[in-house]
């Protein structure tokens, strides 16, 4: 996959979003969750991206497809957020970009969040969804696992 470089305009936009956001990583999670989701979804997805809510193994997920792309497999994407923040919808921008660049579909998991659902709830959810997806695909050989931040931690453990 060819790397991309952020333009000066994109860097300036991100800088302004972060400087002006009410988001406080150390703040109350109930107040911060919608702020993070709002920040992550403020940029509209391209018109050819299709989001479909579903469930895998009883766990809520969002399937992310690119119109007119016959997927060669599935990216199983796990959002970040320190195990307490984030959502499948919030990571749809990144997951759809990965799907587009690899000619795959993506699925992002809405695992249960702490502190309401402490460890190992997130890992149990991600593992259940991954196993269900691998079962639908016929094998894990057609599934690529990715994750950002806390999701990277869960990705490593769920696919083990």
N, C-alpha and C. Protein backbone atom coordinates (compact mmCIF):
# COMPACT_ATOMS: atom_id res chain seq x y z
N UNK A 1 0.84 -1.17 0.00
CA UNK A 1 0.00 0.00 0.00
C UNK A 1 0.89 1.24 0.00
N UNK A 2 0.58 2.15 -0.87
CA UNK A 2 1.35 3.37 -1.00
C UNK A 2 0.99 4.33 0.12
N UNK A 3 1.99 4.93 0.74
CA UNK A 3 1.77 5.89 1.82
C UNK A 3 1.23 7.21 1.30
N UNK A 4 0.55 7.93 2.15
CA UNK A 4 0.03 9.24 1.78
C UNK A 4 0.57 10.26 2.76
N UNK A 5 0.70 11.48 2.27
CA UNK A 5 1.21 12.57 3.08
C UNK A 5 0.09 13.56 3.30
N UNK A 6 -0.02 14.06 4.49
CA UNK A 6 -1.02 15.04 4.83
C UNK A 6 -0.61 16.40 4.26
N UNK A 7 -1.57 17.11 3.68
CA UNK A 7 -1.28 18.43 3.15
C UNK A 7 -1.21 19.44 4.30
N UNK A 8 -0.65 20.59 4.02
CA UNK A 8 -0.59 21.67 5.02
C UNK A 8 -2.01 22.08 5.42
N UNK A 9 -2.91 22.13 4.46
CA UNK A 9 -4.30 22.48 4.76
C UNK A 9 -4.93 21.46 5.69
N UNK A 10 -4.69 20.17 5.46
CA UNK A 10 -5.24 19.14 6.33
C UNK A 10 -4.65 19.24 7.74
N UNK A 11 -3.36 19.48 7.83
CA UNK A 11 -2.72 19.64 9.15
C UNK A 11 -3.30 20.82 9.90
N UNK A 12 -3.49 21.95 9.19
CA UNK A 12 -4.06 23.14 9.81
C UNK A 12 -5.49 22.88 10.30
N UNK A 13 -6.26 22.16 9.49
CA UNK A 13 -7.64 21.84 9.87
C UNK A 13 -7.65 20.98 11.14
N UNK A 14 -6.83 19.95 11.19
CA UNK A 14 -6.76 19.08 12.37
C UNK A 14 -6.29 19.87 13.59
N UNK A 15 -5.30 20.73 13.39
CA UNK A 15 -4.82 21.56 14.49
C UNK A 15 -5.95 22.42 15.05
N UNK A 16 -6.74 23.03 14.17
CA UNK A 16 -7.84 23.89 14.63
C UNK A 16 -8.91 23.07 15.34
N UNK A 17 -9.23 21.89 14.80
CA UNK A 17 -10.24 21.03 15.44
C UNK A 17 -9.80 20.68 16.85
N UNK A 18 -8.55 20.25 17.00
CA UNK A 18 -8.06 19.83 18.31
C UNK A 18 -7.94 20.99 19.28
N UNK A 19 -7.51 22.15 18.80
CA UNK A 19 -7.37 23.31 19.68
C UNK A 19 -8.72 23.87 20.14
N UNK A 20 -9.73 23.76 19.27
CA UNK A 20 -11.03 24.35 19.58
C UNK A 20 -12.05 23.35 20.10
N UNK A 21 -11.69 22.10 20.16
CA UNK A 21 -12.63 21.08 20.61
C UNK A 21 -12.86 21.16 22.11
N UNK A 22 -14.06 20.81 22.51
CA UNK A 22 -14.39 20.76 23.93
C UNK A 22 -13.98 19.41 24.52
N UNK A 23 -13.44 18.55 23.66
CA UNK A 23 -13.07 17.20 24.07
C UNK A 23 -11.91 17.25 25.07
N UNK A 24 -12.07 16.51 26.18
CA UNK A 24 -11.06 16.44 27.23
C UNK A 24 -10.85 14.97 27.57
N UNK A 25 -9.72 14.42 27.13
CA UNK A 25 -9.46 13.00 27.31
C UNK A 25 -9.56 12.57 28.77
N UNK A 26 -9.28 13.47 29.69
CA UNK A 26 -9.36 13.13 31.10
C UNK A 26 -10.71 13.42 31.72
N UNK A 27 -11.66 13.90 30.93
CA UNK A 27 -12.96 14.28 31.46
C UNK A 27 -13.89 13.11 31.68
N UNK A 28 -15.08 13.42 32.17
CA UNK A 28 -16.12 12.42 32.42
C UNK A 28 -16.49 11.73 31.11
N UNK A 29 -16.45 10.39 31.10
CA UNK A 29 -16.69 9.65 29.85
C UNK A 29 -18.08 9.89 29.29
N UNK A 30 -19.07 10.04 30.13
CA UNK A 30 -20.43 10.28 29.64
C UNK A 30 -20.51 11.58 28.84
N UNK A 31 -19.76 12.58 29.24
CA UNK A 31 -19.73 13.85 28.52
C UNK A 31 -18.80 13.80 27.32
N UNK A 32 -17.71 13.05 27.42
CA UNK A 32 -16.69 13.04 26.38
C UNK A 32 -17.04 12.14 25.19
N UNK A 33 -17.79 11.06 25.43
CA UNK A 33 -18.13 10.14 24.33
C UNK A 33 -18.80 10.82 23.16
N UNK A 34 -19.87 11.59 23.38
CA UNK A 34 -20.50 12.25 22.22
C UNK A 34 -19.60 13.30 21.59
N UNK A 35 -18.77 13.95 22.38
CA UNK A 35 -17.86 14.95 21.82
C UNK A 35 -16.83 14.30 20.90
N UNK A 36 -16.28 13.16 21.32
CA UNK A 36 -15.32 12.46 20.47
C UNK A 36 -15.99 11.97 19.20
N UNK A 37 -17.17 11.37 19.33
CA UNK A 37 -17.87 10.91 18.13
C UNK A 37 -18.18 12.07 17.19
N UNK A 38 -18.59 13.20 17.73
CA UNK A 38 -18.87 14.38 16.91
C UNK A 38 -17.60 14.83 16.19
N UNK A 39 -16.49 14.83 16.90
CA UNK A 39 -15.23 15.25 16.30
C UNK A 39 -14.82 14.26 15.19
N UNK A 40 -14.96 12.96 15.44
CA UNK A 40 -14.53 11.96 14.47
C UNK A 40 -15.44 11.87 13.25
N UNK A 41 -16.69 12.25 13.40
CA UNK A 41 -17.63 12.16 12.28
C UNK A 41 -17.95 13.51 11.65
N UNK A 42 -17.22 14.54 12.02
CA UNK A 42 -17.50 15.88 11.48
C UNK A 42 -17.19 15.98 9.99
N UNK A 43 -16.27 15.19 9.51
CA UNK A 43 -15.94 15.16 8.08
C UNK A 43 -16.83 14.11 7.42
N UNK A 44 -17.67 14.50 6.46
CA UNK A 44 -18.57 13.52 5.84
C UNK A 44 -17.78 12.42 5.11
N UNK A 45 -18.35 11.24 5.11
CA UNK A 45 -17.75 10.13 4.37
C UNK A 45 -17.98 10.35 2.89
N UNK A 46 -17.10 9.83 2.04
CA UNK A 46 -17.34 9.92 0.59
C UNK A 46 -18.69 9.32 0.23
N UNK A 47 -19.29 9.81 -0.81
CA UNK A 47 -20.64 9.39 -1.21
C UNK A 47 -20.77 7.93 -1.56
N UNK A 48 -19.66 7.28 -1.90
CA UNK A 48 -19.75 5.87 -2.29
C UNK A 48 -19.56 4.91 -1.12
N UNK A 49 -19.44 5.43 0.09
CA UNK A 49 -19.28 4.59 1.28
C UNK A 49 -20.65 4.26 1.84
N UNK A 50 -20.88 2.97 2.06
CA UNK A 50 -22.15 2.50 2.61
C UNK A 50 -21.93 1.89 3.99
N UNK A 51 -22.66 2.38 4.99
CA UNK A 51 -22.59 1.86 6.35
C UNK A 51 -23.86 1.05 6.62
N UNK A 52 -23.67 -0.17 7.12
CA UNK A 52 -24.80 -1.03 7.42
C UNK A 52 -24.66 -1.58 8.83
N UNK A 53 -25.56 -1.17 9.74
CA UNK A 53 -25.51 -1.72 11.10
C UNK A 53 -25.93 -3.19 11.07
N UNK A 54 -25.28 -3.98 11.89
CA UNK A 54 -25.58 -5.41 11.97
C UNK A 54 -25.08 -5.93 13.31
N UNK A 55 -24.99 -7.24 13.44
CA UNK A 55 -24.33 -7.81 14.60
C UNK A 55 -23.60 -9.07 14.17
N UNK A 56 -22.55 -9.37 14.87
CA UNK A 56 -21.76 -10.58 14.68
C UNK A 56 -21.60 -11.23 16.04
N UNK A 57 -22.07 -12.45 16.17
CA UNK A 57 -21.96 -13.13 17.46
C UNK A 57 -22.69 -12.40 18.57
N UNK A 58 -23.75 -11.67 18.21
CA UNK A 58 -24.50 -10.91 19.20
C UNK A 58 -23.91 -9.57 19.56
N UNK A 59 -22.83 -9.17 18.88
CA UNK A 59 -22.14 -7.91 19.16
C UNK A 59 -22.48 -6.91 18.05
N UNK A 60 -22.88 -5.67 18.40
CA UNK A 60 -23.18 -4.69 17.36
C UNK A 60 -21.93 -4.32 16.55
N UNK A 61 -22.10 -4.27 15.25
CA UNK A 61 -21.02 -3.90 14.33
C UNK A 61 -21.59 -3.00 13.25
N UNK A 62 -20.69 -2.38 12.51
CA UNK A 62 -21.07 -1.62 11.32
C UNK A 62 -20.26 -2.17 10.15
N UNK A 63 -20.95 -2.67 9.13
CA UNK A 63 -20.28 -3.08 7.91
C UNK A 63 -20.07 -1.85 7.04
N UNK A 64 -18.89 -1.77 6.45
CA UNK A 64 -18.51 -0.60 5.66
C UNK A 64 -18.12 -1.09 4.27
N UNK A 65 -18.91 -0.71 3.28
CA UNK A 65 -18.67 -1.13 1.91
C UNK A 65 -18.44 0.08 1.02
N UNK A 66 -17.63 -0.13 0.01
CA UNK A 66 -17.39 0.89 -1.00
C UNK A 66 -18.17 0.47 -2.24
N UNK A 67 -19.06 1.35 -2.74
CA UNK A 67 -19.88 1.04 -3.91
C UNK A 67 -19.00 0.63 -5.08
N UNK A 68 -19.49 -0.31 -5.84
CA UNK A 68 -18.83 -0.79 -7.06
C UNK A 68 -17.48 -1.46 -6.81
N UNK A 69 -17.24 -1.90 -5.58
CA UNK A 69 -16.01 -2.65 -5.26
C UNK A 69 -16.43 -4.06 -4.87
N UNK A 70 -15.91 -5.04 -5.59
CA UNK A 70 -16.13 -6.44 -5.24
C UNK A 70 -15.06 -6.81 -4.22
N UNK A 71 -15.42 -6.93 -2.93
CA UNK A 71 -14.40 -7.10 -1.90
C UNK A 71 -13.65 -8.43 -2.03
N UNK A 72 -12.34 -8.35 -1.79
CA UNK A 72 -11.47 -9.52 -1.82
C UNK A 72 -11.35 -10.17 -0.45
N UNK A 73 -11.97 -9.60 0.54
CA UNK A 73 -11.92 -10.08 1.91
C UNK A 73 -12.50 -9.01 2.82
N UNK A 74 -12.29 -9.18 4.10
CA UNK A 74 -12.86 -8.25 5.08
C UNK A 74 -11.80 -7.78 6.06
N UNK A 75 -11.79 -6.48 6.30
CA UNK A 75 -10.97 -5.89 7.35
C UNK A 75 -11.82 -5.84 8.61
N UNK A 76 -11.37 -6.48 9.65
CA UNK A 76 -12.05 -6.46 10.95
C UNK A 76 -11.38 -5.37 11.75
N UNK A 77 -12.04 -4.21 11.84
CA UNK A 77 -11.41 -3.02 12.43
C UNK A 77 -11.97 -2.76 13.83
N UNK A 78 -11.06 -2.46 14.77
CA UNK A 78 -11.44 -2.21 16.15
C UNK A 78 -11.04 -0.79 16.52
N UNK A 79 -12.01 0.01 16.89
CA UNK A 79 -11.77 1.43 17.20
C UNK A 79 -10.94 1.60 18.47
N UNK A 80 -10.33 2.77 18.56
CA UNK A 80 -9.59 3.13 19.76
C UNK A 80 -10.46 3.93 20.70
N UNK A 81 -9.83 4.46 21.76
CA UNK A 81 -10.54 5.30 22.71
C UNK A 81 -10.28 4.93 24.15
N UNK A 82 -9.12 4.33 24.39
CA UNK A 82 -8.74 4.04 25.77
C UNK A 82 -9.68 3.05 26.46
N UNK A 83 -10.37 2.21 25.69
CA UNK A 83 -11.32 1.22 26.20
C UNK A 83 -12.57 1.86 26.80
N UNK A 84 -12.66 3.19 26.82
CA UNK A 84 -13.79 3.88 27.44
C UNK A 84 -14.52 4.81 26.48
N UNK A 85 -13.92 5.11 25.34
CA UNK A 85 -14.49 6.04 24.37
C UNK A 85 -14.45 5.40 22.99
N UNK A 86 -15.06 6.07 22.02
CA UNK A 86 -15.00 5.63 20.63
C UNK A 86 -16.19 4.77 20.26
N UNK A 87 -16.32 4.57 18.94
CA UNK A 87 -17.44 3.79 18.42
C UNK A 87 -17.11 3.30 17.02
N UNK A 88 -17.91 2.36 16.57
CA UNK A 88 -17.76 1.86 15.20
C UNK A 88 -17.99 3.00 14.20
N UNK A 89 -19.01 3.81 14.43
CA UNK A 89 -19.29 4.92 13.52
C UNK A 89 -18.16 5.94 13.52
N UNK A 90 -17.56 6.17 14.68
CA UNK A 90 -16.46 7.12 14.77
C UNK A 90 -15.23 6.69 14.02
N UNK A 91 -15.06 5.38 13.83
CA UNK A 91 -13.88 4.89 13.10
C UNK A 91 -14.19 4.57 11.65
N UNK A 92 -15.40 4.87 11.20
CA UNK A 92 -15.79 4.54 9.82
C UNK A 92 -14.94 5.27 8.78
N UNK A 93 -14.49 6.47 9.07
CA UNK A 93 -13.64 7.20 8.12
C UNK A 93 -12.35 6.46 7.86
N UNK A 94 -11.66 6.08 8.93
CA UNK A 94 -10.41 5.34 8.78
C UNK A 94 -10.66 3.97 8.17
N UNK A 95 -11.67 3.25 8.67
CA UNK A 95 -11.95 1.91 8.16
C UNK A 95 -12.34 1.94 6.68
N UNK A 96 -13.10 2.94 6.26
CA UNK A 96 -13.49 3.03 4.85
C UNK A 96 -12.29 3.35 3.97
N UNK A 97 -11.37 4.14 4.47
CA UNK A 97 -10.14 4.43 3.73
C UNK A 97 -9.31 3.16 3.55
N UNK A 98 -9.19 2.37 4.62
CA UNK A 98 -8.47 1.10 4.52
C UNK A 98 -9.17 0.17 3.53
N UNK A 99 -10.50 0.11 3.60
CA UNK A 99 -11.26 -0.74 2.69
C UNK A 99 -11.04 -0.33 1.23
N UNK A 100 -11.08 0.97 0.98
CA UNK A 100 -10.89 1.47 -0.38
C UNK A 100 -9.50 1.12 -0.92
N UNK A 101 -8.49 1.32 -0.10
CA UNK A 101 -7.11 1.10 -0.54
C UNK A 101 -6.77 -0.38 -0.74
N UNK A 102 -7.54 -1.26 -0.14
CA UNK A 102 -7.25 -2.69 -0.23
C UNK A 102 -8.29 -3.46 -1.04
N UNK A 103 -9.29 -2.78 -1.55
CA UNK A 103 -10.40 -3.42 -2.27
C UNK A 103 -11.06 -4.50 -1.41
N UNK A 104 -11.30 -4.14 -0.16
CA UNK A 104 -11.96 -5.05 0.77
C UNK A 104 -13.18 -4.33 1.35
N UNK A 105 -13.97 -5.06 2.10
CA UNK A 105 -15.01 -4.42 2.90
C UNK A 105 -14.46 -4.35 4.31
N UNK A 106 -15.04 -3.54 5.12
CA UNK A 106 -14.60 -3.44 6.52
C UNK A 106 -15.80 -3.68 7.42
N UNK A 107 -15.48 -4.11 8.62
CA UNK A 107 -16.49 -4.21 9.66
C UNK A 107 -15.86 -3.65 10.93
N UNK A 108 -16.56 -2.73 11.57
CA UNK A 108 -16.06 -2.10 12.78
C UNK A 108 -16.95 -2.50 13.95
N UNK A 109 -16.33 -2.81 15.07
CA UNK A 109 -17.03 -3.40 16.22
C UNK A 109 -17.36 -2.33 17.27
N UNK A 110 -18.60 -2.36 17.75
CA UNK A 110 -19.02 -1.51 18.87
C UNK A 110 -18.95 -2.33 20.15
N UNK A 111 -17.72 -2.52 20.64
CA UNK A 111 -17.55 -3.30 21.86
C UNK A 111 -17.99 -2.49 23.09
N UNK A 112 -18.32 -3.21 24.16
CA UNK A 112 -18.75 -2.55 25.39
C UNK A 112 -17.58 -1.75 25.98
N UNK A 113 -17.91 -0.60 26.53
CA UNK A 113 -16.91 0.34 27.01
C UNK A 113 -16.83 0.37 28.54
N UNK A 114 -15.62 0.60 29.03
CA UNK A 114 -15.38 0.83 30.45
C UNK A 114 -15.74 2.29 30.75
N UNK A 115 -16.05 2.65 31.94
CA UNK A 115 -15.98 1.87 33.16
C UNK A 115 -17.24 1.03 33.43
N UNK A 116 -18.30 1.25 32.66
CA UNK A 116 -19.53 0.48 32.89
C UNK A 116 -19.30 -1.01 32.69
N UNK A 117 -18.44 -1.33 31.75
CA UNK A 117 -18.16 -2.73 31.42
C UNK A 117 -16.64 -2.95 31.50
N UNK A 118 -16.13 -3.25 32.67
CA UNK A 118 -14.68 -3.40 32.83
C UNK A 118 -14.14 -4.63 32.11
N UNK A 119 -12.80 -4.69 32.05
CA UNK A 119 -12.11 -5.82 31.47
C UNK A 119 -12.64 -7.10 32.11
N UNK A 120 -12.90 -8.12 31.34
CA UNK A 120 -12.56 -8.39 29.94
C UNK A 120 -13.71 -8.18 28.96
N UNK A 121 -14.70 -7.33 29.27
CA UNK A 121 -15.88 -7.16 28.41
C UNK A 121 -15.50 -6.82 26.97
N UNK A 122 -14.64 -5.83 26.76
CA UNK A 122 -14.27 -5.43 25.40
C UNK A 122 -13.62 -6.59 24.66
N UNK A 123 -12.72 -7.27 25.31
CA UNK A 123 -12.04 -8.41 24.68
C UNK A 123 -13.03 -9.52 24.35
N UNK A 124 -13.96 -9.79 25.23
CA UNK A 124 -14.98 -10.82 24.96
C UNK A 124 -15.82 -10.44 23.75
N UNK A 125 -16.23 -9.18 23.66
CA UNK A 125 -17.05 -8.72 22.53
C UNK A 125 -16.29 -8.83 21.22
N UNK A 126 -15.07 -8.34 21.21
CA UNK A 126 -14.26 -8.36 19.99
C UNK A 126 -13.99 -9.80 19.55
N UNK A 127 -13.68 -10.66 20.50
CA UNK A 127 -13.41 -12.07 20.18
C UNK A 127 -14.66 -12.74 19.63
N UNK A 128 -15.81 -12.50 20.23
CA UNK A 128 -17.06 -13.10 19.74
C UNK A 128 -17.37 -12.64 18.32
N UNK A 129 -17.23 -11.35 18.07
CA UNK A 129 -17.51 -10.81 16.73
C UNK A 129 -16.51 -11.36 15.71
N UNK A 130 -15.23 -11.43 16.08
CA UNK A 130 -14.20 -11.96 15.18
C UNK A 130 -14.49 -13.41 14.82
N UNK A 131 -14.81 -14.22 15.81
CA UNK A 131 -15.10 -15.64 15.55
C UNK A 131 -16.32 -15.80 14.64
N UNK A 132 -17.34 -14.98 14.86
CA UNK A 132 -18.53 -15.05 14.01
C UNK A 132 -18.19 -14.65 12.57
N UNK A 133 -17.38 -13.61 12.42
CA UNK A 133 -16.98 -13.18 11.08
C UNK A 133 -16.14 -14.25 10.39
N UNK A 134 -15.18 -14.81 11.10
CA UNK A 134 -14.34 -15.87 10.52
C UNK A 134 -15.21 -17.07 10.13
N UNK A 135 -16.22 -17.37 10.92
CA UNK A 135 -17.13 -18.45 10.59
C UNK A 135 -17.93 -18.16 9.33
N UNK A 136 -18.38 -16.93 9.16
CA UNK A 136 -19.12 -16.54 7.96
C UNK A 136 -18.21 -16.57 6.73
N UNK A 137 -16.95 -16.18 6.92
CA UNK A 137 -16.00 -16.14 5.79
C UNK A 137 -15.50 -17.53 5.43
N UNK A 138 -15.76 -18.52 6.27
CA UNK A 138 -15.28 -19.86 6.01
C UNK A 138 -13.94 -20.15 6.64
N UNK A 139 -13.18 -19.11 6.92
CA UNK A 139 -11.90 -19.24 7.63
C UNK A 139 -11.40 -17.84 7.96
N UNK A 140 -10.45 -17.78 8.87
CA UNK A 140 -9.86 -16.49 9.21
C UNK A 140 -8.92 -16.01 8.12
N UNK A 141 -8.63 -16.86 7.13
CA UNK A 141 -7.72 -16.49 6.05
C UNK A 141 -8.22 -15.37 5.16
N UNK A 142 -9.51 -15.08 5.23
CA UNK A 142 -10.08 -14.00 4.42
C UNK A 142 -10.35 -12.75 5.25
N UNK A 143 -9.81 -12.73 6.46
CA UNK A 143 -10.05 -11.61 7.38
C UNK A 143 -8.72 -10.99 7.78
N UNK A 144 -8.63 -9.68 7.65
CA UNK A 144 -7.47 -8.91 8.10
C UNK A 144 -7.91 -8.13 9.33
N UNK A 145 -7.15 -8.21 10.40
CA UNK A 145 -7.51 -7.53 11.65
C UNK A 145 -6.70 -6.25 11.77
N UNK A 146 -7.40 -5.15 12.08
CA UNK A 146 -6.72 -3.87 12.30
C UNK A 146 -7.34 -3.20 13.52
N UNK A 147 -6.58 -2.31 14.12
CA UNK A 147 -7.09 -1.57 15.26
C UNK A 147 -6.27 -0.34 15.50
N UNK A 148 -6.89 0.64 16.11
CA UNK A 148 -6.22 1.89 16.44
C UNK A 148 -6.19 2.05 17.95
N UNK A 149 -5.03 2.36 18.48
CA UNK A 149 -4.86 2.61 19.91
C UNK A 149 -5.34 1.41 20.72
N UNK A 150 -6.33 1.59 21.60
CA UNK A 150 -6.84 0.48 22.39
C UNK A 150 -7.33 -0.65 21.48
N UNK A 151 -7.85 -0.29 20.31
CA UNK A 151 -8.29 -1.28 19.35
C UNK A 151 -7.15 -2.13 18.82
N UNK A 152 -5.94 -1.55 18.73
CA UNK A 152 -4.77 -2.32 18.33
C UNK A 152 -4.44 -3.35 19.38
N UNK A 153 -4.58 -2.99 20.64
CA UNK A 153 -4.36 -3.93 21.74
C UNK A 153 -5.37 -5.07 21.64
N UNK A 154 -6.64 -4.75 21.43
CA UNK A 154 -7.66 -5.77 21.32
C UNK A 154 -7.48 -6.62 20.06
N UNK A 155 -7.03 -6.01 18.97
CA UNK A 155 -6.81 -6.74 17.72
C UNK A 155 -5.79 -7.83 17.91
N UNK A 156 -4.72 -7.51 18.59
CA UNK A 156 -3.65 -8.46 18.82
C UNK A 156 -4.14 -9.64 19.65
N UNK A 157 -4.98 -9.37 20.63
CA UNK A 157 -5.46 -10.43 21.52
C UNK A 157 -6.59 -11.24 20.91
N UNK A 158 -7.51 -10.58 20.19
CA UNK A 158 -8.68 -11.27 19.64
C UNK A 158 -8.29 -12.25 18.54
N UNK A 159 -7.30 -11.90 17.75
CA UNK A 159 -6.92 -12.74 16.62
C UNK A 159 -5.91 -13.81 17.01
N UNK A 160 -5.48 -13.83 18.27
CA UNK A 160 -4.48 -14.80 18.70
C UNK A 160 -5.05 -16.19 18.81
